[in-house]
């Protein structure tokens, strides 16, 4: 009997490409000195934003909504709004919504 991995390979399932951050998001994060890490690709789509290794923000998308939190102020919620996707961003909105989140987090960091 073939191994489970071999059985899965034989199923010839479609390959899922890793979710890539839009280039504009990478560029803006770099200019702000932030790093954006995808922590969950699927429902919910989640990102952790760090600066110098310390958590500086958190973006979560689920149930057709998006939230942006700032952990340094007791997980202060900076934004809550709707998105087109159900458990994550749609491809056409990911860049704009992540840029919005970066702007909100950077602005909040300046007040601290």
PDB file of N, CA and C in Angstrom:
ATOM      1  N   UNK A   1       0.850  -1.185   0.000  1.00  0.00           N
ATOM      2  CA  UNK A   1       0.000   0.000   0.000  1.00  0.00           C
ATOM      3  C   UNK A   1       0.890   1.240   0.000  1.00  0.00           C
ATOM      4  N   UNK A   2       0.662   2.181  -0.938  1.00  0.00           N
ATOM      5  CA  UNK A   2       1.488   3.384  -1.009  1.00  0.00           C
ATOM      6  C   UNK A   2       1.242   4.294   0.212  1.00  0.00           C
ATOM      7  N   UNK A   3       2.242   5.087   0.490  1.00  0.00           N
ATOM      8  CA  UNK A   3       2.137   6.019   1.615  1.00  0.00           C
ATOM      9  C   UNK A   3       1.057   7.065   1.334  1.00  0.00           C
ATOM     10  N   UNK A   4       0.630   7.740   2.399  1.00  0.00           N
ATOM     11  CA  UNK A   4      -0.383   8.778   2.273  1.00  0.00           C
ATOM     12  C   UNK A   4       0.091   9.893   1.337  1.00  0.00           C
ATOM     13  N   UNK A   5       1.364  10.284   1.449  1.00  0.00           N
ATOM     14  CA  UNK A   5       1.894  11.327   0.569  1.00  0.00           C
ATOM     15  C   UNK A   5       1.846  10.896  -0.889  1.00  0.00           C
ATOM     16  N   UNK A   6       2.186   9.654  -1.151  1.00  0.00           N
ATOM     17  CA  UNK A   6       2.148   9.147  -2.523  1.00  0.00           C
ATOM     18  C   UNK A   6       0.712   9.123  -3.042  1.00  0.00           C
ATOM     19  N   UNK A   7      -0.237   8.747  -2.177  1.00  0.00           N
ATOM     20  CA  UNK A   7      -1.639   8.737  -2.573  1.00  0.00           C
ATOM     21  C   UNK A   7      -2.110  10.158  -2.921  1.00  0.00           C
ATOM     22  N   UNK A   8      -1.690  11.135  -2.129  1.00  0.00           N
ATOM     23  CA  UNK A   8      -2.051  12.521  -2.406  1.00  0.00           C
ATOM     24  C   UNK A   8      -1.456  13.004  -3.722  1.00  0.00           C
ATOM     25  N   UNK A   9      -0.203  12.644  -3.977  1.00  0.00           N
ATOM     26  CA  UNK A   9       0.426  13.017  -5.243  1.00  0.00           C
ATOM     27  C   UNK A   9      -0.331  12.418  -6.425  1.00  0.00           C
ATOM     28  N   UNK A  10      -0.798  11.201  -6.267  1.00  0.00           N
ATOM     29  CA  UNK A  10      -1.515  10.517  -7.347  1.00  0.00           C
ATOM     30  C   UNK A  10      -2.876  11.145  -7.634  1.00  0.00           C
ATOM     31  N   UNK A  11      -3.429  11.896  -6.688  1.00  0.00           N
ATOM     32  CA  UNK A  11      -4.724  12.544  -6.901  1.00  0.00           C
ATOM     33  C   UNK A  11      -4.629  13.687  -7.907  1.00  0.00           C
ATOM     34  N   UNK A  12      -3.432  14.188  -8.126  1.00  0.00           N
ATOM     35  CA  UNK A  12      -3.205  15.282  -9.072  1.00  0.00           C
ATOM     36  C   UNK A  12      -4.114  16.481  -8.764  1.00  0.00           C
ATOM     37  N   UNK A  13      -4.108  16.899  -7.505  1.00  0.00           N
ATOM     38  CA  UNK A  13      -4.901  18.044  -7.072  1.00  0.00           C
ATOM     39  C   UNK A  13      -4.307  19.335  -7.619  1.00  0.00           C
ATOM     40  N   UNK A  14      -5.133  20.354  -7.788  1.00  0.00           N
ATOM     41  CA  UNK A  14      -4.589  21.628  -8.292  1.00  0.00           C
ATOM     42  C   UNK A  14      -3.597  22.214  -7.294  1.00  0.00           C
ATOM     43  N   UNK A  15      -2.566  22.809  -7.820  1.00  0.00           N
ATOM     44  CA  UNK A  15      -1.541  23.438  -6.983  1.00  0.00           C
ATOM     45  C   UNK A  15      -1.995  24.835  -6.588  1.00  0.00           C
ATOM     46  N   UNK A  16      -1.815  25.183  -5.344  1.00  0.00           N
ATOM     47  CA  UNK A  16      -2.190  26.501  -4.842  1.00  0.00           C
ATOM     48  C   UNK A  16      -0.930  27.334  -4.723  1.00  0.00           C
ATOM     49  N   UNK A  17      -0.931  28.461  -5.403  1.00  0.00           N
ATOM     50  CA  UNK A  17       0.213  29.357  -5.349  1.00  0.00           C
ATOM     51  C   UNK A  17       0.230  30.086  -4.006  1.00  0.00           C
ATOM     52  N   UNK A  18       1.404  30.311  -3.441  1.00  0.00           N
ATOM     53  CA  UNK A  18       1.463  31.076  -2.197  1.00  0.00           C
ATOM     54  C   UNK A  18       0.946  32.492  -2.427  1.00  0.00           C
ATOM     55  N   UNK A  19       0.287  33.033  -1.431  1.00  0.00           N
ATOM     56  CA  UNK A  19      -0.231  34.389  -1.512  1.00  0.00           C
ATOM     57  C   UNK A  19       0.940  35.358  -1.423  1.00  0.00           C
ATOM     58  N   UNK A  20       1.080  36.209  -2.410  1.00  0.00           N
ATOM     59  CA  UNK A  20       2.183  37.165  -2.442  1.00  0.00           C
ATOM     60  C   UNK A  20       1.665  38.558  -2.102  1.00  0.00           C
ATOM     61  N   UNK A  21       2.428  39.273  -1.302  1.00  0.00           N
ATOM     62  CA  UNK A  21       2.085  40.660  -1.001  1.00  0.00           C
ATOM     63  C   UNK A  21       2.262  41.504  -2.256  1.00  0.00           C
ATOM     64  N   UNK A  22       1.343  42.424  -2.500  1.00  0.00           N
ATOM     65  CA  UNK A  22       1.525  43.320  -3.642  1.00  0.00           C
ATOM     66  C   UNK A  22       2.801  44.139  -3.493  1.00  0.00           C
ATOM     67  N   UNK A  23       3.454  44.430  -4.604  1.00  0.00           N
ATOM     68  CA  UNK A  23       4.720  45.170  -4.584  1.00  0.00           C
ATOM     69  C   UNK A  23       4.582  46.534  -3.910  1.00  0.00           C
ATOM     70  N   UNK A  24       3.461  47.220  -4.150  1.00  0.00           N
ATOM     71  CA  UNK A  24       3.265  48.540  -3.538  1.00  0.00           C
ATOM     72  C   UNK A  24       3.227  48.441  -2.016  1.00  0.00           C
ATOM     73  N   UNK A  25       2.675  47.350  -1.496  1.00  0.00           N
ATOM     74  CA  UNK A  25       2.616  47.148  -0.043  1.00  0.00           C
ATOM     75  C   UNK A  25       4.024  46.906   0.506  1.00  0.00           C
ATOM     76  N   UNK A  26       4.806  46.084  -0.190  1.00  0.00           N
ATOM     77  CA  UNK A  26       6.182  45.842   0.232  1.00  0.00           C
ATOM     78  C   UNK A  26       6.988  47.135   0.234  1.00  0.00           C
ATOM     79  N   UNK A  27       6.819  47.937  -0.820  1.00  0.00           N
ATOM     80  CA  UNK A  27       7.540  49.196  -0.948  1.00  0.00           C
ATOM     81  C   UNK A  27       7.171  50.158   0.184  1.00  0.00           C
ATOM     82  N   UNK A  28       5.878  50.336   0.429  1.00  0.00           N
ATOM     83  CA  UNK A  28       5.437  51.256   1.480  1.00  0.00           C
ATOM     84  C   UNK A  28       5.871  50.772   2.855  1.00  0.00           C
ATOM     85  N   UNK A  29       5.738  49.491   3.107  1.00  0.00           N
ATOM     86  CA  UNK A  29       6.160  48.947   4.394  1.00  0.00           C
ATOM     87  C   UNK A  29       7.653  49.214   4.610  1.00  0.00           C
ATOM     88  N   UNK A  30       8.440  48.997   3.578  1.00  0.00           N
ATOM     89  CA  UNK A  30       9.878  49.247   3.683  1.00  0.00           C
ATOM     90  C   UNK A  30      10.192  50.702   3.975  1.00  0.00           C
ATOM     91  N   UNK A  31       9.485  51.603   3.319  1.00  0.00           N
ATOM     92  CA  UNK A  31       9.714  53.037   3.549  1.00  0.00           C
ATOM     93  C   UNK A  31       9.315  53.455   4.951  1.00  0.00           C
ATOM     94  N   UNK A  32       8.330  52.778   5.517  1.00  0.00           N
ATOM     95  CA  UNK A  32       7.887  53.087   6.877  1.00  0.00           C
ATOM     96  C   UNK A  32       8.692  52.324   7.933  1.00  0.00           C
ATOM     97  N   UNK A  33       9.587  51.454   7.497  1.00  0.00           N
ATOM     98  CA  UNK A  33      10.369  50.653   8.431  1.00  0.00           C
ATOM     99  C   UNK A  33       9.565  49.526   9.050  1.00  0.00           C
ATOM    100  N   UNK A  34       8.509  49.099   8.352  1.00  0.00           N
ATOM    101  CA  UNK A  34       7.640  48.042   8.856  1.00  0.00           C
ATOM    102  C   UNK A  34       7.831  46.770   8.047  1.00  0.00           C
ATOM    103  N   UNK A  35       7.455  45.666   8.642  1.00  0.00           N
ATOM    104  CA  UNK A  35       7.465  44.389   7.942  1.00  0.00           C
ATOM    105  C   UNK A  35       6.059  43.815   8.013  1.00  0.00           C
ATOM    106  N   UNK A  36       5.553  43.333   6.890  1.00  0.00           N
ATOM    107  CA  UNK A  36       4.222  42.742   6.814  1.00  0.00           C
ATOM    108  C   UNK A  36       4.385  41.239   6.629  1.00  0.00           C
ATOM    109  N   UNK A  37       3.835  40.482   7.569  1.00  0.00           N
ATOM    110  CA  UNK A  37       3.929  39.026   7.500  1.00  0.00           C
ATOM    111  C   UNK A  37       2.527  38.428   7.433  1.00  0.00           C
ATOM    112  N   UNK A  38       2.292  37.621   6.420  1.00  0.00           N
ATOM    113  CA  UNK A  38       1.042  36.887   6.312  1.00  0.00           C
ATOM    114  C   UNK A  38       1.085  35.770   7.350  1.00  0.00           C
ATOM    115  N   UNK A  39       0.167  35.784   8.300  1.00  0.00           N
ATOM    116  CA  UNK A  39       0.156  34.749   9.336  1.00  0.00           C
ATOM    117  C   UNK A  39      -0.890  33.678   9.080  1.00  0.00           C
ATOM    118  N   UNK A  40      -1.878  33.978   8.239  1.00  0.00           N
ATOM    119  CA  UNK A  40      -2.887  32.993   7.850  1.00  0.00           C
ATOM    120  C   UNK A  40      -3.380  33.359   6.458  1.00  0.00           C
ATOM    121  N   UNK A  41      -3.264  32.434   5.531  1.00  0.00           N
ATOM    122  CA  UNK A  41      -3.652  32.692   4.146  1.00  0.00           C
ATOM    123  C   UNK A  41      -5.148  32.563   3.946  1.00  0.00           C
ATOM    124  N   UNK A  42      -5.737  31.608   4.612  1.00  0.00           N
ATOM    125  CA  UNK A  42      -7.150  31.312   4.403  1.00  0.00           C
ATOM    126  C   UNK A  42      -7.996  31.942   5.502  1.00  0.00           C
ATOM    127  N   UNK A  43      -9.231  31.536   5.570  1.00  0.00           N
ATOM    128  CA  UNK A  43     -10.194  32.151   6.483  1.00  0.00           C
ATOM    129  C   UNK A  43      -9.720  32.004   7.926  1.00  0.00           C
ATOM    130  N   UNK A  44      -9.503  33.083   8.638  1.00  0.00           N
ATOM    131  CA  UNK A  44      -9.447  34.456   8.169  1.00  0.00           C
ATOM    132  C   UNK A  44      -8.070  34.771   7.609  1.00  0.00           C
ATOM    133  N   UNK A  45      -8.011  35.654   6.622  1.00  0.00           N
ATOM    134  CA  UNK A  45      -6.729  36.138   6.104  1.00  0.00           C
ATOM    135  C   UNK A  45      -6.193  37.118   7.149  1.00  0.00           C
ATOM    136  N   UNK A  46      -4.962  36.906   7.590  1.00  0.00           N
ATOM    137  CA  UNK A  46      -4.417  37.708   8.691  1.00  0.00           C
ATOM    138  C   UNK A  46      -2.974  38.128   8.391  1.00  0.00           C
ATOM    139  N   UNK A  47      -2.629  39.301   8.875  1.00  0.00           N
ATOM    140  CA  UNK A  47      -1.279  39.831   8.724  1.00  0.00           C
ATOM    141  C   UNK A  47      -0.823  40.407  10.053  1.00  0.00           C
ATOM    142  N   UNK A  48       0.454  40.208  10.360  1.00  0.00           N
ATOM    143  CA  UNK A  48       1.050  40.880  11.507  1.00  0.00           C
ATOM    144  C   UNK A  48       2.029  41.912  10.965  1.00  0.00           C
ATOM    145  N   UNK A  49       1.960  43.102  11.508  1.00  0.00           N
ATOM    146  CA  UNK A  49       2.850  44.191  11.103  1.00  0.00           C
ATOM    147  C   UNK A  49       3.839  44.390  12.247  1.00  0.00           C
ATOM    148  N   UNK A  50       5.124  44.367  11.922  1.00  0.00           N
ATOM    149  CA  UNK A  50       6.142  44.549  12.960  1.00  0.00           C
ATOM    150  C   UNK A  50       7.093  45.677  12.583  1.00  0.00           C
ATOM    151  N   UNK A  51       7.705  46.245  13.607  1.00  0.00           N
ATOM    152  CA  UNK A  51       8.766  47.236  13.425  1.00  0.00           C
ATOM    153  C   UNK A  51       9.884  46.840  14.361  1.00  0.00           C
ATOM    154  N   UNK A  52      11.052  46.619  13.808  1.00  0.00           N
ATOM    155  CA  UNK A  52      12.211  46.183  14.580  1.00  0.00           C
ATOM    156  C   UNK A  52      11.899  44.953  15.428  1.00  0.00           C
ATOM    157  N   UNK A  53      11.105  44.037  14.881  1.00  0.00           N
ATOM    158  CA  UNK A  53      10.782  42.788  15.553  1.00  0.00           C
ATOM    159  C   UNK A  53       9.647  42.872  16.566  1.00  0.00           C
ATOM    160  N   UNK A  54       9.174  44.076  16.860  1.00  0.00           N
ATOM    161  CA  UNK A  54       8.081  44.242  17.820  1.00  0.00           C
ATOM    162  C   UNK A  54       6.756  44.390  17.079  1.00  0.00           C
ATOM    163  N   UNK A  55       5.729  43.765  17.596  1.00  0.00           N
ATOM    164  CA  UNK A  55       4.415  43.842  16.972  1.00  0.00           C
ATOM    165  C   UNK A  55       3.913  45.278  16.977  1.00  0.00           C
ATOM    166  N   UNK A  56       3.504  45.746  15.800  1.00  0.00           N
ATOM    167  CA  UNK A  56       3.029  47.126  15.654  1.00  0.00           C
ATOM    168  C   UNK A  56       1.619  47.205  15.091  1.00  0.00           C
ATOM    169  N   UNK A  57       1.091  46.106  14.624  1.00  0.00           N
ATOM    170  CA  UNK A  57      -0.252  46.124  14.073  1.00  0.00           C
ATOM    171  C   UNK A  57      -0.691  44.742  13.662  1.00  0.00           C
ATOM    172  N   UNK A  58      -1.988  44.635  13.469  1.00  0.00           N
ATOM    173  CA  UNK A  58      -2.574  43.350  13.135  1.00  0.00           C
ATOM    174  C   UNK A  58      -3.762  43.606  12.213  1.00  0.00           C
ATOM    175  N   UNK A  59      -3.805  42.895  11.088  1.00  0.00           N
ATOM    176  CA  UNK A  59      -4.896  43.033  10.126  1.00  0.00           C
ATOM    177  C   UNK A  59      -5.585  41.677  10.006  1.00  0.00           C
ATOM    178  N   UNK A  60      -6.907  41.696  10.142  1.00  0.00           N
ATOM    179  CA  UNK A  60      -7.669  40.453  10.046  1.00  0.00           C
ATOM    180  C   UNK A  60      -8.866  40.679   9.128  1.00  0.00           C
ATOM    181  N   UNK A  61      -9.092  39.699   8.233  1.00  0.00           N
ATOM    182  CA  UNK A  61     -10.200  39.779   7.284  1.00  0.00           C
ATOM    183  C   UNK A  61     -11.021  38.502   7.400  1.00  0.00           C
ATOM    184  N   UNK A  62     -12.303  38.681   7.769  1.00  0.00           N
ATOM    185  CA  UNK A  62     -13.210  37.533   7.820  1.00  0.00           C
ATOM    186  C   UNK A  62     -14.650  38.019   7.868  1.00  0.00           C
ATOM    187  N   UNK A  63     -15.560  37.132   7.481  1.00  0.00           N
ATOM    188  CA  UNK A  63     -16.997  37.420   7.480  1.00  0.00           C
ATOM    189  C   UNK A  63     -17.325  38.705   6.716  1.00  0.00           C
ATOM    190  N   UNK A  64     -16.558  39.001   5.671  1.00  0.00           N
ATOM    191  CA  UNK A  64     -16.830  40.175   4.856  1.00  0.00           C
ATOM    192  C   UNK A  64     -16.393  41.481   5.491  1.00  0.00           C
ATOM    193  N   UNK A  65     -15.553  41.398   6.528  1.00  0.00           N
ATOM    194  CA  UNK A  65     -15.075  42.604   7.207  1.00  0.00           C
ATOM    195  C   UNK A  65     -13.586  42.575   7.442  1.00  0.00           C
ATOM    196  N   UNK A  66     -13.043  43.737   7.682  1.00  0.00           N
ATOM    197  CA  UNK A  66     -11.609  43.899   7.927  1.00  0.00           C
ATOM    198  C   UNK A  66     -11.431  44.714   9.200  1.00  0.00           C
ATOM    199  N   UNK A  67     -10.481  44.303  10.024  1.00  0.00           N
ATOM    200  CA  UNK A  67     -10.155  45.107  11.201  1.00  0.00           C
ATOM    201  C   UNK A  67      -8.649  45.330  11.246  1.00  0.00           C
ATOM    202  N   UNK A  68      -8.266  46.496  11.755  1.00  0.00           N
ATOM    203  CA  UNK A  68      -6.856  46.845  11.938  1.00  0.00           C
ATOM    204  C   UNK A  68      -6.700  47.207  13.406  1.00  0.00           C
ATOM    205  N   UNK A  69      -5.819  46.505  14.095  1.00  0.00           N
ATOM    206  CA  UNK A  69      -5.594  46.729  15.523  1.00  0.00           C
ATOM    207  C   UNK A  69      -4.176  47.201  15.775  1.00  0.00           C
ATOM    208  N   UNK A  70      -4.033  47.978  16.836  1.00  0.00           N
ATOM    209  CA  UNK A  70      -2.733  48.503  17.261  1.00  0.00           C
ATOM    210  C   UNK A  70      -2.439  47.936  18.648  1.00  0.00           C
ATOM    211  N   UNK A  71      -1.520  46.973  18.747  1.00  0.00           N
ATOM    212  CA  UNK A  71      -1.309  46.260  20.009  1.00  0.00           C
ATOM    213  C   UNK A  71      -0.681  47.085  21.124  1.00  0.00           C
ATOM    214  N   UNK A  72       0.065  48.129  20.786  1.00  0.00           N
ATOM    215  CA  UNK A  72       0.764  48.907  21.810  1.00  0.00           C
ATOM    216  C   UNK A  72      -0.185  49.724  22.685  1.00  0.00           C
ATOM    217  N   UNK A  73      -1.453  49.833  22.284  1.00  0.00           N
ATOM    218  CA  UNK A  73      -2.424  50.622  23.058  1.00  0.00           C
ATOM    219  C   UNK A  73      -3.550  49.708  23.530  1.00  0.00           C
ATOM    220  N   UNK A  74      -3.187  48.536  24.040  1.00  0.00           N
ATOM    221  CA  UNK A  74      -4.199  47.606  24.520  1.00  0.00           C
ATOM    222  C   UNK A  74      -5.069  47.061  23.408  1.00  0.00           C
ATOM    223  N   UNK A  75      -4.453  46.767  22.280  1.00  0.00           N
ATOM    224  CA  UNK A  75      -5.170  46.266  21.099  1.00  0.00           C
ATOM    225  C   UNK A  75      -6.257  47.233  20.637  1.00  0.00           C
ATOM    226  N   UNK A  76      -5.907  48.496  20.612  1.00  0.00           N
ATOM    227  CA  UNK A  76      -6.826  49.527  20.134  1.00  0.00           C
ATOM    228  C   UNK A  76      -7.216  49.234  18.690  1.00  0.00           C
ATOM    229  N   UNK A  77      -8.509  49.276  18.415  1.00  0.00           N
ATOM    230  CA  UNK A  77      -8.954  49.046  17.049  1.00  0.00           C
ATOM    231  C   UNK A  77      -8.892  50.354  16.274  1.00  0.00           C
ATOM    232  N   UNK A  78      -8.090  50.351  15.195  1.00  0.00           N
ATOM    233  CA  UNK A  78      -7.909  51.548  14.383  1.00  0.00           C
ATOM    234  C   UNK A  78      -8.926  51.638  13.250  1.00  0.00           C
ATOM    235  N   UNK A  79      -9.442  50.502  12.831  1.00  0.00           N
ATOM    236  CA  UNK A  79     -10.348  50.494  11.681  1.00  0.00           C
ATOM    237  C   UNK A  79     -11.193  49.232  11.712  1.00  0.00           C
ATOM    238  N   UNK A  80     -12.430  49.373  11.325  1.00  0.00           N
ATOM    239  CA  UNK A  80     -13.304  48.230  11.088  1.00  0.00           C
ATOM    240  C   UNK A  80     -14.191  48.602   9.913  1.00  0.00           C
ATOM    241  N   UNK A  81     -14.160  47.800   8.875  1.00  0.00           N
ATOM    242  CA  UNK A  81     -14.943  48.108   7.685  1.00  0.00           C
ATOM    243  C   UNK A  81     -15.187  46.859   6.851  1.00  0.00           C
ATOM    244  N   UNK A  82     -15.919  47.015   5.807  1.00  0.00           N
ATOM    245  CA  UNK A  82     -16.278  45.869   4.977  1.00  0.00           C
ATOM    246  C   UNK A  82     -15.262  45.658   3.848  1.00  0.00           C
ATOM    247  N   UNK A  83     -15.253  44.431   3.354  1.00  0.00           N
ATOM    248  CA  UNK A  83     -14.444  44.053   2.192  1.00  0.00           C
ATOM    249  C   UNK A  83     -15.329  43.244   1.260  1.00  0.00           C
ATOM    250  N   UNK A  84     -14.895  43.099   0.030  1.00  0.00           N
ATOM    251  CA  UNK A  84     -15.667  42.338  -0.947  1.00  0.00           C
ATOM    252  C   UNK A  84     -15.561  40.835  -0.721  1.00  0.00           C
ATOM    253  N   UNK A  85     -14.413  40.381  -0.218  1.00  0.00           N
ATOM    254  CA  UNK A  85     -14.219  38.956   0.014  1.00  0.00           C
ATOM    255  C   UNK A  85     -14.923  38.507   1.277  1.00  0.00           C
ATOM    256  N   UNK A  86     -15.109  37.190   1.414  1.00  0.00           N
ATOM    257  CA  UNK A  86     -15.786  36.661   2.597  1.00  0.00           C
ATOM    258  C   UNK A  86     -14.783  36.333   3.702  1.00  0.00           C
ATOM    259  N   UNK A  87     -13.812  35.502   3.401  1.00  0.00           N
ATOM    260  CA  UNK A  87     -12.827  35.092   4.398  1.00  0.00           C
ATOM    261  C   UNK A  87     -11.479  35.726   4.186  1.00  0.00           C
ATOM    262  N   UNK A  88     -11.371  36.592   3.201  1.00  0.00           N
ATOM    263  CA  UNK A  88     -10.122  37.264   2.887  1.00  0.00           C
ATOM    264  C   UNK A  88     -10.389  38.335   1.850  1.00  0.00           C
ATOM    265  N   UNK A  89      -9.344  39.029   1.500  1.00  0.00           N
ATOM    266  CA  UNK A  89      -9.476  40.053   0.466  1.00  0.00           C
ATOM    267  C   UNK A  89      -9.695  39.409  -0.891  1.00  0.00           C
ATOM    268  N   UNK A  90     -10.375  40.114  -1.776  1.00  0.00           N
ATOM    269  CA  UNK A  90     -10.373  39.706  -3.173  1.00  0.00           C
ATOM    270  C   UNK A  90      -9.056  40.228  -3.756  1.00  0.00           C
ATOM    271  N   UNK A  91      -8.637  39.660  -4.871  1.00  0.00           N
ATOM    272  CA  UNK A  91      -7.360  40.067  -5.456  1.00  0.00           C
ATOM    273  C   UNK A  91      -7.331  41.548  -5.803  1.00  0.00           C
ATOM    274  N   UNK A  92      -8.468  42.107  -6.231  1.00  0.00           N
ATOM    275  CA  UNK A  92      -8.476  43.508  -6.652  1.00  0.00           C
ATOM    276  C   UNK A  92      -8.461  44.497  -5.487  1.00  0.00           C
ATOM    277  N   UNK A  93      -8.737  44.062  -4.261  1.00  0.00           N
ATOM    278  CA  UNK A  93      -8.774  45.003  -3.139  1.00  0.00           C
ATOM    279  C   UNK A  93      -7.620  44.843  -2.155  1.00  0.00           C
ATOM    280  N   UNK A  94      -6.855  43.760  -2.256  1.00  0.00           N
ATOM    281  CA  UNK A  94      -5.801  43.466  -1.281  1.00  0.00           C
ATOM    282  C   UNK A  94      -4.801  44.617  -1.152  1.00  0.00           C
ATOM    283  N   UNK A  95      -4.318  45.119  -2.270  1.00  0.00           N
ATOM    284  CA  UNK A  95      -3.306  46.176  -2.240  1.00  0.00           C
ATOM    285  C   UNK A  95      -3.832  47.437  -1.544  1.00  0.00           C
ATOM    286  N   UNK A  96      -4.984  47.920  -1.967  1.00  0.00           N
ATOM    287  CA  UNK A  96      -5.522  49.162  -1.410  1.00  0.00           C
ATOM    288  C   UNK A  96      -5.822  49.029   0.080  1.00  0.00           C
ATOM    289  N   UNK A  97      -6.392  47.917   0.483  1.00  0.00           N
ATOM    290  CA  UNK A  97      -6.756  47.735   1.893  1.00  0.00           C
ATOM    291  C   UNK A  97      -5.513  47.582   2.777  1.00  0.00           C
ATOM    292  N   UNK A  98      -4.489  46.896   2.289  1.00  0.00           N
ATOM    293  CA  UNK A  98      -3.263  46.770   3.079  1.00  0.00           C
ATOM    294  C   UNK A  98      -2.515  48.100   3.160  1.00  0.00           C
ATOM    295  N   UNK A  99      -2.557  48.890   2.093  1.00  0.00           N
ATOM    296  CA  UNK A  99      -1.954  50.223   2.149  1.00  0.00           C
ATOM    297  C   UNK A  99      -2.694  51.110   3.151  1.00  0.00           C
ATOM    298  N   UNK A 100      -4.014  51.010   3.191  1.00  0.00           N
ATOM    299  CA  UNK A 100      -4.801  51.732   4.187  1.00  0.00           C
ATOM    300  C   UNK A 100      -4.370  51.322   5.590  1.00  0.00           C
ATOM    301  N   UNK A 101      -4.248  50.021   5.822  1.00  0.00           N
ATOM    302  CA  UNK A 101      -3.846  49.515   7.141  1.00  0.00           C
ATOM    303  C   UNK A 101      -2.463  50.036   7.537  1.00  0.00           C
ATOM    304  N   UNK A 102      -1.514  50.018   6.598  1.00  0.00           N
ATOM    305  CA  UNK A 102      -0.174  50.520   6.897  1.00  0.00           C
ATOM    306  C   UNK A 102      -0.213  51.996   7.266  1.00  0.00           C
ATOM    307  N   UNK A 103      -1.007  52.783   6.538  1.00  0.00           N
ATOM    308  CA  UNK A 103      -1.131  54.209   6.832  1.00  0.00           C
ATOM    309  C   UNK A 103      -1.715  54.448   8.215  1.00  0.00           C
ATOM    310  N   UNK A 104      -2.743  53.691   8.568  1.00  0.00           N
ATOM    311  CA  UNK A 104      -3.366  53.843   9.881  1.00  0.00           C
ATOM    312  C   UNK A 104      -2.401  53.475  11.005  1.00  0.00           C
ATOM    313  N   UNK A 105      -1.677  52.399  10.813  1.00  0.00           N
ATOM    314  CA  UNK A 105      -0.723  51.947  11.834  1.00  0.00           C
ATOM    315  C   UNK A 105       0.417  52.954  11.968  1.00  0.00           C
ATOM    316  N   UNK A 106       0.953  53.432  10.847  1.00  0.00           N
ATOM    317  CA  UNK A 106       2.054  54.401  10.893  1.00  0.00           C
ATOM    318  C   UNK A 106       1.591  55.697  11.572  1.00  0.00           C
ATOM    319  N   UNK A 107       0.390  56.163  11.256  1.00  0.00           N
ATOM    320  CA  UNK A 107      -0.129  57.378  11.886  1.00  0.00           C
ATOM    321  C   UNK A 107      -0.289  57.192  13.389  1.00  0.00           C
ATOM    322  N   UNK A 108      -0.764  56.024  13.792  1.00  0.00           N
ATOM    323  CA  UNK A 108      -0.951  55.752  15.232  1.00  0.00           C
ATOM    324  C   UNK A 108       0.393  55.657  15.946  1.00  0.00           C
ATOM    325  N   UNK A 109       1.386  55.088  15.272  1.00  0.00           N
ATOM    326  CA  UNK A 109       2.716  54.968  15.866  1.00  0.00           C
ATOM    327  C   UNK A 109       3.322  56.356  16.125  1.00  0.00           C
ATOM    328  N   UNK A 110       2.992  57.314  15.279  1.00  0.00           N
ATOM    329  CA  UNK A 110       3.536  58.668  15.432  1.00  0.00           C
ATOM    330  C   UNK A 110       2.957  59.373  16.661  1.00  0.00           C
ATOM    331  N   UNK A 111       1.759  58.959  17.096  1.00  0.00           N
ATOM    332  CA  UNK A 111       1.140  59.553  18.286  1.00  0.00           C
ATOM    333  C   UNK A 111       1.688  58.983  19.573  1.00  0.00           C
ATOM    334  N   UNK A 112       2.270  57.787  19.494  1.00  0.00           N
ATOM    335  CA  UNK A 112       2.734  57.108  20.718  1.00  0.00           C
ATOM    336  C   UNK A 112       3.911  57.792  21.349  1.00  0.00           C
TER     337      UNK A 112
END
